[in-house]
Amino acid sequence: MSTTEDRTSTGAPAGARLREATPADGEVIAQLVRELAEYEREPQAATATGDDFARTLQEGGGVGCLLAEVDGPAGVEVAGMALWYTTFSTWQGRRGMWLEDLYVRPRHRRRGIARAFFGRLGELCAERGYGRLEWWVLDWNTPAQDFYRTLGARPEDEWTVWRLDGAGLAALAPQGPATGS
């Protein structure tokens, strides 16, 4: 574990830098998402393209991505990402942040990059007045769960995630002109 003296001004470990992703980073984000999907045993589920991410980052709308970069033998290399979007809590009456994906490439793990991502996300939440930082973690991913507990995070065991997509979502769309009462 690195000491405080080994950290850069962004909170990243020495040799690593965090920066906001731009639309030009669309392809590297798509590649990181594919690597994450492979790790999560669902490679076929990652269908987003670099253009999809570039367009989303260009549009803004409460979606952001941090990239961690390190200097490697071939130049600057992207070591990981934290992709997030804003949410809203009716109970708190303010926005929050949903961390959709946090991924650090295996050769860069255990260097403090994930902790640096959380540090920067916490700063963003504080700067913007967000009341929550939330995310999902797979049941079998106990190393991640153990890490999150070291940050002071806790699982929300009383809630069950529900989803509509594909044909189920399409079936909700009105088949003709909307009717009102």
N, C-alpha and C. Protein backbone atom coordinates (compact mmCIF):
# COMPACT_ATOMS: atom_id res chain seq x y z
N MET A 1 0.86 -1.18 0.00
CA MET A 1 0.00 0.00 0.00
C MET A 1 0.89 1.23 0.00
N SER A 2 0.55 2.16 -0.83
CA SER A 2 1.32 3.40 -0.93
C SER A 2 1.03 4.30 0.26
N THR A 3 1.98 5.11 0.59
CA THR A 3 1.77 6.08 1.66
C THR A 3 1.24 7.37 1.05
N THR A 4 0.84 8.30 1.89
CA THR A 4 0.35 9.59 1.42
C THR A 4 1.39 10.29 0.58
N GLU A 5 2.64 10.18 0.94
CA GLU A 5 3.71 10.83 0.19
C GLU A 5 3.84 10.26 -1.22
N ASP A 6 3.34 9.05 -1.43
CA ASP A 6 3.42 8.42 -2.74
C ASP A 6 2.24 8.77 -3.63
N ARG A 7 1.41 9.71 -3.25
CA ARG A 7 0.21 10.05 -4.01
C ARG A 7 0.42 11.34 -4.79
N THR A 8 -0.26 11.42 -5.92
CA THR A 8 -0.22 12.65 -6.71
C THR A 8 -1.27 13.61 -6.17
N SER A 9 -1.33 14.80 -6.75
CA SER A 9 -2.31 15.79 -6.28
C SER A 9 -3.74 15.36 -6.55
N THR A 10 -3.98 14.42 -7.46
CA THR A 10 -5.34 13.94 -7.74
C THR A 10 -5.74 12.83 -6.77
N GLY A 11 -4.86 12.43 -5.88
CA GLY A 11 -5.16 11.34 -4.98
C GLY A 11 -4.78 10.00 -5.57
N ALA A 12 -4.32 9.99 -6.81
CA ALA A 12 -3.93 8.74 -7.45
C ALA A 12 -2.55 8.32 -6.95
N PRO A 13 -2.27 7.02 -7.01
CA PRO A 13 -0.94 6.57 -6.61
C PRO A 13 0.13 7.18 -7.51
N ALA A 14 1.33 7.27 -7.00
CA ALA A 14 2.44 7.81 -7.79
C ALA A 14 2.54 7.02 -9.10
N GLY A 15 2.75 7.75 -10.18
CA GLY A 15 2.85 7.11 -11.49
C GLY A 15 1.52 6.99 -12.20
N ALA A 16 0.43 7.30 -11.51
CA ALA A 16 -0.91 7.25 -12.11
C ALA A 16 -1.55 8.63 -12.03
N ARG A 17 -2.34 8.95 -13.02
CA ARG A 17 -3.07 10.22 -13.04
C ARG A 17 -4.53 9.94 -13.36
N LEU A 18 -5.42 10.65 -12.68
CA LEU A 18 -6.85 10.57 -12.99
C LEU A 18 -7.21 11.78 -13.82
N ARG A 19 -8.08 11.56 -14.80
CA ARG A 19 -8.57 12.68 -15.60
C ARG A 19 -9.99 12.38 -16.07
N GLU A 20 -10.71 13.44 -16.40
CA GLU A 20 -12.05 13.30 -16.96
C GLU A 20 -11.92 12.77 -18.39
N ALA A 21 -12.74 11.81 -18.75
CA ALA A 21 -12.77 11.30 -20.11
C ALA A 21 -13.44 12.32 -21.02
N THR A 22 -13.07 12.31 -22.28
CA THR A 22 -13.67 13.17 -23.30
C THR A 22 -14.27 12.27 -24.38
N PRO A 23 -15.05 12.83 -25.29
CA PRO A 23 -15.58 12.02 -26.38
C PRO A 23 -14.49 11.28 -27.17
N ALA A 24 -13.30 11.84 -27.25
CA ALA A 24 -12.20 11.19 -27.96
C ALA A 24 -11.78 9.87 -27.30
N ASP A 25 -12.20 9.65 -26.05
CA ASP A 25 -11.86 8.42 -25.32
C ASP A 25 -12.89 7.31 -25.52
N GLY A 26 -13.86 7.52 -26.39
CA GLY A 26 -14.94 6.55 -26.56
C GLY A 26 -14.46 5.13 -26.80
N GLU A 27 -13.49 4.97 -27.69
CA GLU A 27 -13.04 3.61 -28.02
C GLU A 27 -12.33 2.94 -26.85
N VAL A 28 -11.50 3.66 -26.11
CA VAL A 28 -10.83 3.03 -24.97
C VAL A 28 -11.85 2.68 -23.88
N ILE A 29 -12.88 3.50 -23.72
CA ILE A 29 -13.92 3.17 -22.74
C ILE A 29 -14.65 1.90 -23.16
N ALA A 30 -14.98 1.79 -24.45
CA ALA A 30 -15.65 0.58 -24.96
C ALA A 30 -14.77 -0.65 -24.71
N GLN A 31 -13.47 -0.52 -24.92
CA GLN A 31 -12.56 -1.64 -24.68
C GLN A 31 -12.53 -2.03 -23.21
N LEU A 32 -12.49 -1.04 -22.32
CA LEU A 32 -12.50 -1.32 -20.89
C LEU A 32 -13.80 -2.01 -20.48
N VAL A 33 -14.92 -1.56 -21.04
CA VAL A 33 -16.21 -2.18 -20.74
C VAL A 33 -16.22 -3.63 -21.21
N ARG A 34 -15.66 -3.91 -22.38
CA ARG A 34 -15.59 -5.30 -22.87
C ARG A 34 -14.73 -6.15 -21.94
N GLU A 35 -13.61 -5.59 -21.45
CA GLU A 35 -12.76 -6.33 -20.52
C GLU A 35 -13.51 -6.60 -19.21
N LEU A 36 -14.26 -5.61 -18.74
CA LEU A 36 -15.05 -5.81 -17.53
C LEU A 36 -16.11 -6.88 -17.74
N ALA A 37 -16.79 -6.84 -18.88
CA ALA A 37 -17.81 -7.85 -19.17
C ALA A 37 -17.21 -9.25 -19.21
N GLU A 38 -16.01 -9.36 -19.73
CA GLU A 38 -15.31 -10.65 -19.74
C GLU A 38 -15.05 -11.10 -18.30
N TYR A 39 -14.56 -10.20 -17.46
CA TYR A 39 -14.30 -10.52 -16.06
C TYR A 39 -15.59 -10.94 -15.34
N GLU A 40 -16.69 -10.28 -15.68
CA GLU A 40 -17.98 -10.57 -15.04
C GLU A 40 -18.72 -11.73 -15.70
N ARG A 41 -18.04 -12.43 -16.60
CA ARG A 41 -18.55 -13.65 -17.23
C ARG A 41 -19.74 -13.41 -18.15
N GLU A 42 -19.82 -12.22 -18.75
CA GLU A 42 -20.89 -11.91 -19.68
C GLU A 42 -20.35 -11.13 -20.89
N PRO A 43 -19.36 -11.66 -21.59
CA PRO A 43 -18.77 -10.88 -22.68
C PRO A 43 -19.76 -10.52 -23.78
N GLN A 44 -20.75 -11.35 -24.02
CA GLN A 44 -21.73 -11.08 -25.07
C GLN A 44 -22.66 -9.92 -24.71
N ALA A 45 -22.72 -9.53 -23.46
CA ALA A 45 -23.64 -8.47 -23.03
C ALA A 45 -23.10 -7.07 -23.34
N ALA A 46 -21.81 -6.93 -23.55
CA ALA A 46 -21.21 -5.61 -23.80
C ALA A 46 -21.28 -5.31 -25.29
N THR A 47 -22.33 -4.62 -25.71
CA THR A 47 -22.53 -4.32 -27.13
C THR A 47 -22.27 -2.85 -27.46
N ALA A 48 -22.02 -2.03 -26.47
CA ALA A 48 -21.76 -0.60 -26.72
C ALA A 48 -20.48 -0.43 -27.51
N THR A 49 -20.50 0.57 -28.38
CA THR A 49 -19.33 0.86 -29.22
C THR A 49 -18.63 2.12 -28.72
N GLY A 50 -17.45 2.35 -29.26
CA GLY A 50 -16.74 3.59 -28.96
C GLY A 50 -17.56 4.81 -29.35
N ASP A 51 -18.27 4.72 -30.47
CA ASP A 51 -19.13 5.83 -30.90
C ASP A 51 -20.25 6.08 -29.90
N ASP A 52 -20.80 5.00 -29.31
CA ASP A 52 -21.85 5.18 -28.30
C ASP A 52 -21.33 5.99 -27.12
N PHE A 53 -20.14 5.65 -26.64
CA PHE A 53 -19.58 6.38 -25.50
C PHE A 53 -19.19 7.79 -25.88
N ALA A 54 -18.63 7.97 -27.07
CA ALA A 54 -18.25 9.31 -27.52
C ALA A 54 -19.49 10.20 -27.59
N ARG A 55 -20.58 9.69 -28.17
CA ARG A 55 -21.81 10.46 -28.29
C ARG A 55 -22.38 10.80 -26.90
N THR A 56 -22.39 9.83 -26.01
CA THR A 56 -22.93 10.06 -24.67
C THR A 56 -22.13 11.11 -23.92
N LEU A 57 -20.81 11.03 -24.01
CA LEU A 57 -19.97 12.03 -23.34
C LEU A 57 -20.12 13.40 -23.99
N GLN A 58 -20.32 13.43 -25.29
CA GLN A 58 -20.52 14.70 -25.99
C GLN A 58 -21.81 15.36 -25.55
N GLU A 59 -22.87 14.56 -25.39
CA GLU A 59 -24.18 15.08 -25.01
C GLU A 59 -24.22 15.55 -23.56
N GLY A 60 -23.36 15.00 -22.73
CA GLY A 60 -23.39 15.35 -21.31
C GLY A 60 -24.59 14.71 -20.64
N GLY A 61 -25.43 15.51 -20.05
CA GLY A 61 -26.65 14.98 -19.44
C GLY A 61 -26.43 14.17 -18.19
N GLY A 62 -25.40 14.48 -17.44
CA GLY A 62 -25.22 13.80 -16.16
C GLY A 62 -24.43 12.50 -16.24
N VAL A 63 -23.73 12.24 -17.34
CA VAL A 63 -22.88 11.06 -17.46
C VAL A 63 -21.43 11.53 -17.45
N GLY A 64 -20.62 10.86 -16.66
CA GLY A 64 -19.21 11.21 -16.60
C GLY A 64 -18.35 9.96 -16.52
N CYS A 65 -17.09 10.13 -16.80
CA CYS A 65 -16.15 9.00 -16.74
C CYS A 65 -14.79 9.54 -16.35
N LEU A 66 -14.17 8.90 -15.39
CA LEU A 66 -12.79 9.18 -15.02
C LEU A 66 -11.92 8.08 -15.58
N LEU A 67 -10.75 8.44 -16.08
CA LEU A 67 -9.78 7.48 -16.55
C LEU A 67 -8.53 7.60 -15.70
N ALA A 68 -7.91 6.47 -15.41
CA ALA A 68 -6.60 6.44 -14.74
C ALA A 68 -5.57 6.13 -15.81
N GLU A 69 -4.54 6.95 -15.87
CA GLU A 69 -3.47 6.75 -16.85
C GLU A 69 -2.16 6.51 -16.11
N VAL A 70 -1.34 5.65 -16.69
CA VAL A 70 -0.01 5.38 -16.16
C VAL A 70 0.99 5.44 -17.30
N ASP A 71 2.22 5.73 -16.98
CA ASP A 71 3.28 5.71 -17.98
C ASP A 71 3.78 4.28 -18.11
N GLY A 72 3.80 3.78 -19.33
CA GLY A 72 4.28 2.42 -19.60
C GLY A 72 5.41 2.45 -20.60
N PRO A 73 5.93 1.30 -20.93
CA PRO A 73 7.06 1.23 -21.85
C PRO A 73 6.73 1.79 -23.24
N ALA A 74 5.46 1.69 -23.64
CA ALA A 74 5.06 2.19 -24.96
C ALA A 74 4.43 3.57 -24.88
N GLY A 75 4.51 4.22 -23.73
CA GLY A 75 3.90 5.54 -23.56
C GLY A 75 2.78 5.50 -22.54
N VAL A 76 1.86 6.45 -22.63
CA VAL A 76 0.76 6.54 -21.67
C VAL A 76 -0.24 5.43 -21.95
N GLU A 77 -0.65 4.74 -20.89
CA GLU A 77 -1.60 3.64 -20.98
C GLU A 77 -2.77 3.91 -20.04
N VAL A 78 -3.98 3.59 -20.48
CA VAL A 78 -5.15 3.71 -19.61
C VAL A 78 -5.20 2.47 -18.73
N ALA A 79 -5.18 2.68 -17.42
CA ALA A 79 -5.15 1.58 -16.45
C ALA A 79 -6.53 1.20 -15.95
N GLY A 80 -7.51 2.12 -16.07
CA GLY A 80 -8.84 1.81 -15.58
C GLY A 80 -9.79 2.97 -15.76
N MET A 81 -11.03 2.74 -15.35
CA MET A 81 -12.07 3.77 -15.50
C MET A 81 -13.09 3.66 -14.38
N ALA A 82 -13.77 4.77 -14.18
CA ALA A 82 -14.94 4.84 -13.30
C ALA A 82 -15.99 5.63 -14.08
N LEU A 83 -17.05 4.94 -14.53
CA LEU A 83 -18.09 5.55 -15.34
C LEU A 83 -19.34 5.71 -14.47
N TRP A 84 -19.91 6.92 -14.44
CA TRP A 84 -21.01 7.22 -13.53
C TRP A 84 -22.06 8.08 -14.20
N TYR A 85 -23.21 8.17 -13.55
CA TYR A 85 -24.25 9.09 -14.00
C TYR A 85 -25.03 9.58 -12.79
N THR A 86 -25.78 10.66 -12.97
CA THR A 86 -26.52 11.22 -11.84
C THR A 86 -27.85 10.50 -11.66
N THR A 87 -28.27 10.47 -10.41
CA THR A 87 -29.57 9.93 -10.02
C THR A 87 -30.29 11.02 -9.24
N PHE A 88 -31.47 10.71 -8.75
CA PHE A 88 -32.19 11.65 -7.91
C PHE A 88 -32.90 10.89 -6.80
N SER A 89 -32.79 11.37 -5.58
CA SER A 89 -33.46 10.78 -4.43
C SER A 89 -34.62 11.67 -4.02
N THR A 90 -35.83 11.13 -4.11
CA THR A 90 -36.98 11.90 -3.64
C THR A 90 -36.95 12.03 -2.12
N TRP A 91 -36.36 11.08 -1.44
CA TRP A 91 -36.29 11.15 0.02
C TRP A 91 -35.36 12.27 0.47
N GLN A 92 -34.25 12.44 -0.24
CA GLN A 92 -33.30 13.50 0.11
C GLN A 92 -33.61 14.81 -0.61
N GLY A 93 -34.34 14.72 -1.71
CA GLY A 93 -34.64 15.91 -2.49
C GLY A 93 -33.42 16.47 -3.21
N ARG A 94 -32.49 15.59 -3.54
CA ARG A 94 -31.31 16.03 -4.28
C ARG A 94 -30.71 14.89 -5.09
N ARG A 95 -29.80 15.28 -5.96
CA ARG A 95 -29.15 14.32 -6.83
C ARG A 95 -28.16 13.44 -6.07
N GLY A 96 -27.83 12.35 -6.71
CA GLY A 96 -26.80 11.44 -6.24
C GLY A 96 -25.98 10.97 -7.43
N MET A 97 -25.07 10.09 -7.19
CA MET A 97 -24.22 9.54 -8.24
C MET A 97 -24.35 8.03 -8.24
N TRP A 98 -24.57 7.46 -9.41
CA TRP A 98 -24.58 6.01 -9.59
C TRP A 98 -23.31 5.62 -10.32
N LEU A 99 -22.48 4.84 -9.69
CA LEU A 99 -21.25 4.34 -10.30
C LEU A 99 -21.63 3.10 -11.10
N GLU A 100 -21.73 3.24 -12.39
CA GLU A 100 -22.15 2.14 -13.25
C GLU A 100 -21.05 1.10 -13.40
N ASP A 101 -19.84 1.55 -13.65
CA ASP A 101 -18.72 0.62 -13.82
C ASP A 101 -17.45 1.21 -13.23
N LEU A 102 -16.76 0.42 -12.44
CA LEU A 102 -15.42 0.73 -12.00
C LEU A 102 -14.57 -0.47 -12.40
N TYR A 103 -13.55 -0.21 -13.17
CA TYR A 103 -12.72 -1.31 -13.65
C TYR A 103 -11.27 -0.86 -13.68
N VAL A 104 -10.40 -1.68 -13.11
CA VAL A 104 -8.96 -1.47 -13.18
C VAL A 104 -8.37 -2.73 -13.82
N ARG A 105 -7.60 -2.52 -14.87
CA ARG A 105 -7.00 -3.66 -15.56
C ARG A 105 -6.16 -4.48 -14.58
N PRO A 106 -6.20 -5.81 -14.72
CA PRO A 106 -5.54 -6.69 -13.73
C PRO A 106 -4.09 -6.33 -13.43
N ARG A 107 -3.30 -5.96 -14.43
CA ARG A 107 -1.88 -5.67 -14.18
C ARG A 107 -1.67 -4.39 -13.38
N HIS A 108 -2.74 -3.60 -13.19
CA HIS A 108 -2.62 -2.35 -12.44
C HIS A 108 -3.34 -2.39 -11.09
N ARG A 109 -3.88 -3.54 -10.75
CA ARG A 109 -4.61 -3.66 -9.49
C ARG A 109 -3.66 -3.68 -8.30
N ARG A 110 -4.23 -3.38 -7.15
CA ARG A 110 -3.49 -3.35 -5.87
C ARG A 110 -2.43 -2.25 -5.83
N ARG A 111 -2.69 -1.18 -6.58
CA ARG A 111 -1.78 -0.03 -6.58
C ARG A 111 -2.47 1.22 -6.07
N GLY A 112 -3.72 1.10 -5.62
CA GLY A 112 -4.43 2.24 -5.07
C GLY A 112 -5.28 3.00 -6.08
N ILE A 113 -5.40 2.49 -7.29
CA ILE A 113 -6.16 3.20 -8.32
C ILE A 113 -7.64 3.21 -8.01
N ALA A 114 -8.20 2.08 -7.61
CA ALA A 114 -9.64 2.04 -7.29
C ALA A 114 -9.95 2.97 -6.12
N ARG A 115 -9.12 2.97 -5.13
CA ARG A 115 -9.32 3.87 -3.98
C ARG A 115 -9.24 5.33 -4.43
N ALA A 116 -8.33 5.63 -5.35
CA ALA A 116 -8.22 6.99 -5.88
C ALA A 116 -9.48 7.37 -6.65
N PHE A 117 -10.03 6.42 -7.42
CA PHE A 117 -11.30 6.69 -8.11
C PHE A 117 -12.38 7.07 -7.10
N PHE A 118 -12.51 6.28 -6.05
CA PHE A 118 -13.53 6.58 -5.04
C PHE A 118 -13.27 7.91 -4.37
N GLY A 119 -12.01 8.23 -4.12
CA GLY A 119 -11.70 9.52 -3.54
C GLY A 119 -12.15 10.67 -4.42
N ARG A 120 -11.89 10.56 -5.71
CA ARG A 120 -12.30 11.62 -6.64
C ARG A 120 -13.81 11.67 -6.79
N LEU A 121 -14.47 10.51 -6.84
CA LEU A 121 -15.93 10.50 -6.93
C LEU A 121 -16.54 11.13 -5.68
N GLY A 122 -15.96 10.85 -4.52
CA GLY A 122 -16.42 11.49 -3.30
C GLY A 122 -16.27 12.99 -3.35
N GLU A 123 -15.14 13.46 -3.90
CA GLU A 123 -14.94 14.91 -4.07
C GLU A 123 -16.00 15.50 -4.99
N LEU A 124 -16.27 14.82 -6.11
CA LEU A 124 -17.29 15.31 -7.04
C LEU A 124 -18.66 15.39 -6.38
N CYS A 125 -18.99 14.37 -5.59
CA CYS A 125 -20.27 14.38 -4.88
C CYS A 125 -20.34 15.57 -3.92
N ALA A 126 -19.26 15.81 -3.18
CA ALA A 126 -19.24 16.93 -2.24
C ALA A 126 -19.32 18.27 -2.98
N GLU A 127 -18.55 18.43 -4.05
CA GLU A 127 -18.56 19.67 -4.81
C GLU A 127 -19.93 19.98 -5.39
N ARG A 128 -20.67 18.96 -5.78
CA ARG A 128 -21.95 19.14 -6.45
C ARG A 128 -23.15 19.01 -5.51
N GLY A 129 -22.89 18.72 -4.25
CA GLY A 129 -23.97 18.60 -3.28
C GLY A 129 -24.78 17.32 -3.42
N TYR A 130 -24.18 16.28 -4.00
CA TYR A 130 -24.88 15.00 -4.15
C TYR A 130 -24.97 14.31 -2.80
N GLY A 131 -26.11 13.69 -2.56
CA GLY A 131 -26.35 13.05 -1.27
C GLY A 131 -25.95 11.59 -1.18
N ARG A 132 -25.68 10.95 -2.33
CA ARG A 132 -25.37 9.52 -2.32
C ARG A 132 -24.37 9.17 -3.41
N LEU A 133 -23.61 8.12 -3.15
CA LEU A 133 -22.82 7.44 -4.16
C LEU A 133 -23.18 5.96 -4.02
N GLU A 134 -23.75 5.41 -5.08
CA GLU A 134 -24.25 4.03 -5.03
C GLU A 134 -23.74 3.25 -6.23
N TRP A 135 -23.75 1.91 -6.08
CA TRP A 135 -23.33 1.03 -7.17
C TRP A 135 -23.80 -0.38 -6.86
N TRP A 136 -23.72 -1.24 -7.86
CA TRP A 136 -23.99 -2.66 -7.71
C TRP A 136 -22.67 -3.41 -7.65
N VAL A 137 -22.72 -4.59 -7.05
CA VAL A 137 -21.59 -5.52 -7.12
C VAL A 137 -22.19 -6.92 -7.19
N LEU A 138 -21.60 -7.75 -8.02
CA LEU A 138 -22.08 -9.11 -8.17
C LEU A 138 -21.91 -9.88 -6.87
N ASP A 139 -22.86 -10.78 -6.61
CA ASP A 139 -22.83 -11.57 -5.38
C ASP A 139 -21.54 -12.36 -5.21
N TRP A 140 -21.00 -12.88 -6.30
CA TRP A 140 -19.81 -13.72 -6.21
C TRP A 140 -18.51 -12.93 -6.11
N ASN A 141 -18.56 -11.63 -6.29
CA ASN A 141 -17.33 -10.83 -6.32
C ASN A 141 -16.95 -10.39 -4.90
N THR A 142 -16.57 -11.35 -4.09
CA THR A 142 -16.23 -11.05 -2.70
C THR A 142 -14.98 -10.18 -2.55
N PRO A 143 -13.97 -10.28 -3.43
CA PRO A 143 -12.84 -9.35 -3.28
C PRO A 143 -13.30 -7.89 -3.39
N ALA A 144 -14.19 -7.60 -4.33
CA ALA A 144 -14.70 -6.23 -4.46
C ALA A 144 -15.52 -5.85 -3.23
N GLN A 145 -16.36 -6.75 -2.76
CA GLN A 145 -17.17 -6.45 -1.58
C GLN A 145 -16.29 -6.16 -0.37
N ASP A 146 -15.25 -6.95 -0.20
CA ASP A 146 -14.32 -6.71 0.92
C ASP A 146 -13.67 -5.34 0.79
N PHE A 147 -13.25 -4.98 -0.43
CA PHE A 147 -12.65 -3.67 -0.65
C PHE A 147 -13.64 -2.56 -0.32
N TYR A 148 -14.87 -2.67 -0.79
CA TYR A 148 -15.87 -1.62 -0.55
C TYR A 148 -16.13 -1.44 0.94
N ARG A 149 -16.08 -2.52 1.69
CA ARG A 149 -16.26 -2.40 3.14
C ARG A 149 -15.12 -1.59 3.78
N THR A 150 -13.91 -1.70 3.23
CA THR A 150 -12.80 -0.92 3.78
C THR A 150 -13.01 0.58 3.56
N LEU A 151 -13.85 0.93 2.58
CA LEU A 151 -14.17 2.33 2.32
C LEU A 151 -15.28 2.84 3.24
N GLY A 152 -15.93 1.92 3.98
CA GLY A 152 -17.06 2.30 4.82
C GLY A 152 -18.40 2.08 4.14
N ALA A 153 -18.40 1.47 2.95
CA ALA A 153 -19.65 1.19 2.23
C ALA A 153 -20.34 -0.02 2.85
N ARG A 154 -21.63 -0.10 2.62
CA ARG A 154 -22.40 -1.22 3.13
C ARG A 154 -23.41 -1.67 2.08
N PRO A 155 -23.75 -2.95 2.07
CA PRO A 155 -24.75 -3.43 1.12
C PRO A 155 -26.15 -3.02 1.56
N GLU A 156 -27.02 -2.79 0.61
CA GLU A 156 -28.42 -2.47 0.87
C GLU A 156 -29.22 -3.76 0.68
N ASP A 157 -29.27 -4.59 1.69
CA ASP A 157 -29.86 -5.92 1.58
C ASP A 157 -31.38 -5.93 1.49
N GLU A 158 -32.04 -4.84 1.83
CA GLU A 158 -33.50 -4.84 1.85
C GLU A 158 -34.11 -4.53 0.49
N TRP A 159 -33.29 -4.22 -0.51
CA TRP A 159 -33.78 -3.85 -1.83
C TRP A 159 -33.41 -4.93 -2.84
N THR A 160 -34.30 -5.19 -3.76
CA THR A 160 -34.06 -6.13 -4.84
C THR A 160 -34.10 -5.37 -6.15
N VAL A 161 -33.12 -5.58 -7.00
CA VAL A 161 -33.08 -4.91 -8.30
C VAL A 161 -34.08 -5.59 -9.23
N TRP A 162 -34.86 -4.78 -9.92
CA TRP A 162 -35.79 -5.26 -10.93
C TRP A 162 -35.43 -4.62 -12.25
N ARG A 163 -35.74 -5.29 -13.35
CA ARG A 163 -35.36 -4.76 -14.66
C ARG A 163 -36.39 -5.12 -15.72
N LEU A 164 -36.61 -4.18 -16.60
CA LEU A 164 -37.35 -4.41 -17.84
C LEU A 164 -36.42 -4.05 -18.99
N ASP A 165 -36.28 -4.94 -19.95
CA ASP A 165 -35.52 -4.61 -21.15
C ASP A 165 -36.04 -5.48 -22.29
N GLY A 166 -35.48 -5.30 -23.46
CA GLY A 166 -35.86 -6.12 -24.61
C GLY A 166 -37.35 -6.10 -24.88
N ALA A 167 -37.92 -7.28 -25.10
CA ALA A 167 -39.33 -7.42 -25.45
C ALA A 167 -40.25 -6.90 -24.35
N GLY A 168 -39.88 -7.12 -23.10
CA GLY A 168 -40.72 -6.63 -22.00
C GLY A 168 -40.83 -5.11 -22.00
N LEU A 169 -39.73 -4.44 -22.26
CA LEU A 169 -39.74 -2.98 -22.32
C LEU A 169 -40.52 -2.51 -23.54
N ALA A 170 -40.31 -3.15 -24.67
CA ALA A 170 -41.02 -2.77 -25.90
C ALA A 170 -42.52 -2.95 -25.73
N ALA A 171 -42.95 -3.95 -24.97
CA ALA A 171 -44.38 -4.21 -24.77
C ALA A 171 -45.06 -3.09 -24.00
N LEU A 172 -44.29 -2.28 -23.26
CA LEU A 172 -44.88 -1.18 -22.51
C LEU A 172 -45.22 0.01 -23.39
N ALA A 173 -44.55 0.11 -24.54
CA ALA A 173 -44.76 1.27 -25.43
C ALA A 173 -46.18 1.22 -25.98
N PRO A 174 -46.85 2.36 -26.05
CA PRO A 174 -48.20 2.39 -26.62
C PRO A 174 -48.18 1.93 -28.08
N GLN A 175 -49.21 1.21 -28.47
CA GLN A 175 -49.30 0.68 -29.83
C GLN A 175 -49.95 1.65 -30.79
N GLY A 176 -50.54 2.69 -30.30
CA GLY A 176 -51.20 3.68 -31.14
C GLY A 176 -51.13 5.03 -30.48
N PRO A 177 -51.99 5.95 -30.91
CA PRO A 177 -52.01 7.27 -30.28
C PRO A 177 -52.31 7.16 -28.78
N ALA A 178 -51.60 7.95 -28.01
CA ALA A 178 -51.80 7.94 -26.56
C ALA A 178 -53.21 8.42 -26.24
N THR A 179 -53.81 7.78 -25.27
CA THR A 179 -55.13 8.19 -24.83
C THR A 179 -55.04 8.78 -23.45
N GLY A 180 -55.85 9.71 -23.18
CA GLY A 180 -55.86 10.33 -21.85
C GLY A 180 -57.26 10.28 -21.29
N SER A 181 -57.37 10.53 -20.02
CA SER A 181 -58.71 10.51 -19.43
C SER A 181 -59.13 11.89 -19.03
